[in-house]
Amino acid sequence: MPTSAADATSSPLFGPNSSRATIEVDHDVKIGSSAEWDDKTVARSSASSAAVTACTSAATQTIKVYSDLIILARDDGELTTVTMDEFTRLRRM
């Protein structure tokens, strides 16, 4: 299954072999029906993983939800985390 439903070519760039590769992250941002823009970040992939998040309610047990994450490192040392979803595409630079 592709990591990004928007672009199946993103999947090979997400995984254990993607570390240290320079990638471009293209993310479509949408807020309601009134605001929409495109955001691009170019950085070196530092790590990737599937983080566990818990959804809990009083009526149910805790449900584990997994989010695919990429940690990016810029040239100045800044680190940022990108959560992969259907609006995110990766491209090797």
N, C-alpha and C. Protein backbone atom coordinates (compact mmCIF):
# COMPACT_ATOMS: atom_id res chain seq x y z
N MET A 1 0.85 -1.17 0.00
CA MET A 1 0.00 0.00 0.00
C MET A 1 0.90 1.24 0.00
N PRO A 2 0.61 2.22 -0.85
CA PRO A 2 1.45 3.41 -0.90
C PRO A 2 1.36 4.21 0.39
N THR A 3 2.48 4.84 0.77
CA THR A 3 2.49 5.71 1.94
C THR A 3 1.63 6.93 1.69
N SER A 4 1.66 7.45 0.49
CA SER A 4 0.85 8.61 0.12
C SER A 4 -0.12 8.20 -0.96
N ALA A 5 -1.41 8.33 -0.68
CA ALA A 5 -2.42 7.96 -1.67
C ALA A 5 -2.37 8.90 -2.87
N ALA A 6 -1.85 10.10 -2.68
CA ALA A 6 -1.78 11.07 -3.77
C ALA A 6 -0.72 10.70 -4.80
N ASP A 7 0.31 9.99 -4.38
CA ASP A 7 1.41 9.67 -5.29
C ASP A 7 2.11 8.39 -4.85
N ALA A 8 1.87 7.30 -5.56
CA ALA A 8 2.44 6.00 -5.19
C ALA A 8 3.96 5.97 -5.27
N THR A 9 4.59 6.91 -6.01
CA THR A 9 6.05 6.93 -6.10
C THR A 9 6.70 7.42 -4.81
N SER A 10 5.91 7.93 -3.86
CA SER A 10 6.46 8.37 -2.58
C SER A 10 6.87 7.20 -1.70
N SER A 11 6.21 6.06 -1.84
CA SER A 11 6.46 4.92 -0.96
C SER A 11 7.90 4.43 -0.93
N PRO A 12 8.58 4.26 -2.08
CA PRO A 12 9.96 3.78 -2.02
C PRO A 12 10.91 4.75 -1.30
N LEU A 13 10.54 6.03 -1.21
CA LEU A 13 11.38 7.01 -0.54
C LEU A 13 11.17 7.02 0.96
N PHE A 14 10.17 6.29 1.42
CA PHE A 14 9.88 6.21 2.84
C PHE A 14 10.25 4.83 3.31
N GLY A 15 11.23 4.73 4.18
CA GLY A 15 11.64 3.41 4.65
C GLY A 15 13.07 3.42 5.13
N PRO A 16 13.58 2.25 5.47
CA PRO A 16 14.91 2.17 6.06
C PRO A 16 16.03 2.62 5.13
N ASN A 17 15.83 2.53 3.82
CA ASN A 17 16.89 2.91 2.88
C ASN A 17 16.86 4.38 2.51
N SER A 18 15.90 5.14 3.04
CA SER A 18 15.76 6.53 2.66
C SER A 18 16.58 7.48 3.52
N SER A 19 17.18 6.98 4.59
CA SER A 19 17.93 7.84 5.50
C SER A 19 19.10 8.49 4.78
N ARG A 20 19.31 9.75 5.06
CA ARG A 20 20.40 10.58 4.52
C ARG A 20 20.16 11.02 3.09
N ALA A 21 19.03 10.71 2.49
CA ALA A 21 18.74 11.17 1.13
C ALA A 21 18.14 12.57 1.19
N THR A 22 18.47 13.40 0.21
CA THR A 22 17.86 14.72 0.13
C THR A 22 16.54 14.57 -0.61
N ILE A 23 15.46 15.01 0.03
CA ILE A 23 14.14 14.85 -0.56
C ILE A 23 13.37 16.17 -0.53
N GLU A 24 12.40 16.26 -1.42
CA GLU A 24 11.47 17.39 -1.43
C GLU A 24 10.13 16.86 -0.94
N VAL A 25 9.57 17.52 0.06
CA VAL A 25 8.26 17.16 0.58
C VAL A 25 7.27 18.20 0.07
N ASP A 26 6.29 17.75 -0.67
CA ASP A 26 5.24 18.62 -1.21
C ASP A 26 3.95 18.29 -0.49
N HIS A 27 3.38 19.27 0.22
CA HIS A 27 2.20 19.01 1.04
C HIS A 27 1.09 20.00 0.67
N ASP A 28 -0.07 19.48 0.32
CA ASP A 28 -1.24 20.30 0.04
C ASP A 28 -1.95 20.57 1.36
N VAL A 29 -2.09 21.85 1.72
CA VAL A 29 -2.73 22.25 2.97
C VAL A 29 -4.11 22.82 2.64
N LYS A 30 -5.13 22.30 3.32
CA LYS A 30 -6.50 22.77 3.10
C LYS A 30 -7.17 23.02 4.44
N ILE A 31 -7.78 24.19 4.58
CA ILE A 31 -8.53 24.53 5.79
C ILE A 31 -9.95 24.87 5.35
N GLY A 32 -10.87 23.97 5.64
CA GLY A 32 -12.25 24.17 5.22
C GLY A 32 -12.35 24.30 3.71
N SER A 33 -13.28 25.12 3.27
CA SER A 33 -13.45 25.33 1.82
C SER A 33 -12.91 26.68 1.39
N SER A 34 -12.35 27.46 2.32
CA SER A 34 -11.94 28.82 1.97
C SER A 34 -10.43 29.01 1.82
N ALA A 35 -9.62 28.17 2.43
CA ALA A 35 -8.17 28.37 2.37
C ALA A 35 -7.48 27.10 1.88
N GLU A 36 -6.55 27.30 0.94
CA GLU A 36 -5.81 26.18 0.37
C GLU A 36 -4.49 26.69 -0.17
N TRP A 37 -3.39 25.97 0.13
CA TRP A 37 -2.09 26.33 -0.41
C TRP A 37 -1.19 25.11 -0.48
N ASP A 38 -0.08 25.28 -1.16
CA ASP A 38 0.89 24.21 -1.35
C ASP A 38 2.16 24.60 -0.60
N ASP A 39 2.74 23.66 0.15
CA ASP A 39 3.95 23.93 0.93
C ASP A 39 5.02 22.94 0.51
N LYS A 40 6.22 23.43 0.23
CA LYS A 40 7.33 22.56 -0.16
C LYS A 40 8.51 22.77 0.77
N THR A 41 9.16 21.67 1.14
CA THR A 41 10.34 21.70 1.98
C THR A 41 11.38 20.78 1.35
N VAL A 42 12.61 21.26 1.26
CA VAL A 42 13.72 20.44 0.78
C VAL A 42 14.70 20.28 1.94
N ALA A 43 14.98 19.03 2.28
CA ALA A 43 15.89 18.75 3.39
C ALA A 43 16.41 17.32 3.27
N ARG A 44 17.34 16.97 4.16
CA ARG A 44 17.91 15.63 4.20
C ARG A 44 17.08 14.77 5.14
N SER A 45 16.71 13.59 4.69
CA SER A 45 15.96 12.66 5.52
C SER A 45 16.88 12.12 6.60
N SER A 46 16.48 12.31 7.86
CA SER A 46 17.30 11.86 8.97
C SER A 46 16.86 10.49 9.47
N ALA A 47 15.55 10.26 9.50
CA ALA A 47 15.00 8.98 9.95
C ALA A 47 13.55 8.89 9.52
N SER A 48 13.02 7.68 9.54
CA SER A 48 11.59 7.47 9.29
C SER A 48 11.10 6.38 10.22
N SER A 49 9.84 6.49 10.60
CA SER A 49 9.29 5.49 11.52
C SER A 49 7.77 5.54 11.49
N ALA A 50 7.17 4.60 12.16
CA ALA A 50 5.72 4.59 12.37
C ALA A 50 5.49 4.84 13.85
N ALA A 51 4.97 6.00 14.19
CA ALA A 51 4.74 6.37 15.58
C ALA A 51 3.35 5.90 16.01
N VAL A 52 3.27 5.41 17.24
CA VAL A 52 2.00 4.93 17.78
C VAL A 52 1.31 6.08 18.50
N THR A 53 0.05 6.29 18.14
CA THR A 53 -0.79 7.28 18.80
C THR A 53 -1.99 6.53 19.34
N ALA A 54 -2.51 6.94 20.47
CA ALA A 54 -3.65 6.24 21.07
C ALA A 54 -4.91 7.08 20.98
N CYS A 55 -6.01 6.46 20.62
CA CYS A 55 -7.33 7.09 20.65
C CYS A 55 -8.11 6.42 21.78
N THR A 56 -8.56 7.19 22.74
CA THR A 56 -9.24 6.62 23.90
C THR A 56 -10.57 7.33 24.13
N SER A 57 -11.58 6.57 24.44
CA SER A 57 -12.86 7.15 24.85
C SER A 57 -13.37 6.35 26.04
N ALA A 58 -14.34 6.91 26.76
CA ALA A 58 -14.88 6.24 27.95
C ALA A 58 -15.59 4.94 27.59
N ALA A 59 -16.15 4.86 26.39
CA ALA A 59 -16.93 3.69 26.01
C ALA A 59 -16.10 2.55 25.42
N THR A 60 -14.86 2.85 25.01
CA THR A 60 -14.06 1.82 24.34
C THR A 60 -12.70 1.68 24.99
N GLN A 61 -12.02 0.63 24.61
CA GLN A 61 -10.63 0.42 25.01
C GLN A 61 -9.75 1.38 24.20
N THR A 62 -8.50 1.47 24.57
CA THR A 62 -7.57 2.29 23.81
C THR A 62 -7.31 1.62 22.46
N ILE A 63 -7.39 2.40 21.40
CA ILE A 63 -7.16 1.92 20.04
C ILE A 63 -5.83 2.49 19.56
N LYS A 64 -4.94 1.65 19.08
CA LYS A 64 -3.66 2.12 18.57
C LYS A 64 -3.81 2.58 17.13
N VAL A 65 -3.28 3.77 16.87
CA VAL A 65 -3.28 4.34 15.53
C VAL A 65 -1.83 4.64 15.19
N TYR A 66 -1.40 4.27 13.99
CA TYR A 66 -0.02 4.47 13.57
C TYR A 66 0.07 5.61 12.57
N SER A 67 1.04 6.49 12.77
CA SER A 67 1.30 7.60 11.84
C SER A 67 2.70 7.43 11.27
N ASP A 68 2.82 7.49 9.95
CA ASP A 68 4.12 7.41 9.29
C ASP A 68 4.80 8.77 9.39
N LEU A 69 6.00 8.79 9.95
CA LEU A 69 6.73 10.04 10.17
C LEU A 69 8.08 10.02 9.47
N ILE A 70 8.49 11.19 9.01
CA ILE A 70 9.84 11.38 8.49
C ILE A 70 10.45 12.54 9.26
N ILE A 71 11.66 12.35 9.76
CA ILE A 71 12.38 13.43 10.43
C ILE A 71 13.36 14.00 9.41
N LEU A 72 13.25 15.30 9.16
CA LEU A 72 14.10 15.98 8.19
C LEU A 72 15.09 16.88 8.90
N ALA A 73 16.31 16.96 8.36
CA ALA A 73 17.36 17.83 8.88
C ALA A 73 17.77 18.82 7.80
N ARG A 74 17.69 20.10 8.11
CA ARG A 74 18.14 21.13 7.17
C ARG A 74 19.63 21.35 7.33
N ASP A 75 20.23 22.10 6.40
CA ASP A 75 21.68 22.35 6.43
C ASP A 75 22.13 23.06 7.70
N ASP A 76 21.25 23.90 8.28
CA ASP A 76 21.63 24.65 9.49
C ASP A 76 21.42 23.84 10.77
N GLY A 77 21.02 22.54 10.65
CA GLY A 77 20.84 21.68 11.80
C GLY A 77 19.42 21.60 12.32
N GLU A 78 18.54 22.44 11.80
CA GLU A 78 17.14 22.42 12.24
C GLU A 78 16.50 21.08 11.89
N LEU A 79 15.75 20.50 12.83
CA LEU A 79 15.02 19.25 12.62
C LEU A 79 13.53 19.54 12.57
N THR A 80 12.84 18.86 11.70
CA THR A 80 11.39 18.97 11.63
C THR A 80 10.80 17.60 11.33
N THR A 81 9.58 17.38 11.75
CA THR A 81 8.90 16.11 11.54
C THR A 81 7.75 16.30 10.56
N VAL A 82 7.65 15.41 9.59
CA VAL A 82 6.56 15.44 8.61
C VAL A 82 5.75 14.16 8.79
N THR A 83 4.45 14.31 8.95
CA THR A 83 3.56 13.16 9.02
C THR A 83 3.01 12.89 7.63
N MET A 84 3.20 11.67 7.15
CA MET A 84 2.73 11.31 5.81
C MET A 84 1.21 11.10 5.82
N ASP A 85 0.55 11.67 4.84
CA ASP A 85 -0.88 11.45 4.66
C ASP A 85 -1.20 11.50 3.17
N GLU A 86 -2.48 11.49 2.83
CA GLU A 86 -2.87 11.45 1.42
C GLU A 86 -2.59 12.75 0.68
N PHE A 87 -2.21 13.82 1.39
CA PHE A 87 -1.91 15.10 0.77
C PHE A 87 -0.42 15.37 0.66
N THR A 88 0.41 14.36 0.97
CA THR A 88 1.86 14.53 1.00
C THR A 88 2.52 13.68 -0.09
N ARG A 89 3.46 14.30 -0.81
CA ARG A 89 4.23 13.60 -1.84
C ARG A 89 5.72 13.82 -1.58
N LEU A 90 6.51 12.79 -1.84
CA LEU A 90 7.97 12.87 -1.68
C LEU A 90 8.63 12.74 -3.05
N ARG A 91 9.76 13.44 -3.18
CA ARG A 91 10.54 13.33 -4.41
C ARG A 91 12.01 13.41 -4.04
N ARG A 92 12.80 12.46 -4.55
CA ARG A 92 14.26 12.49 -4.29
C ARG A 92 14.87 13.59 -5.14
N MET A 93 15.74 14.37 -4.52
CA MET A 93 16.40 15.49 -5.23
C MET A 93 17.72 15.02 -5.83
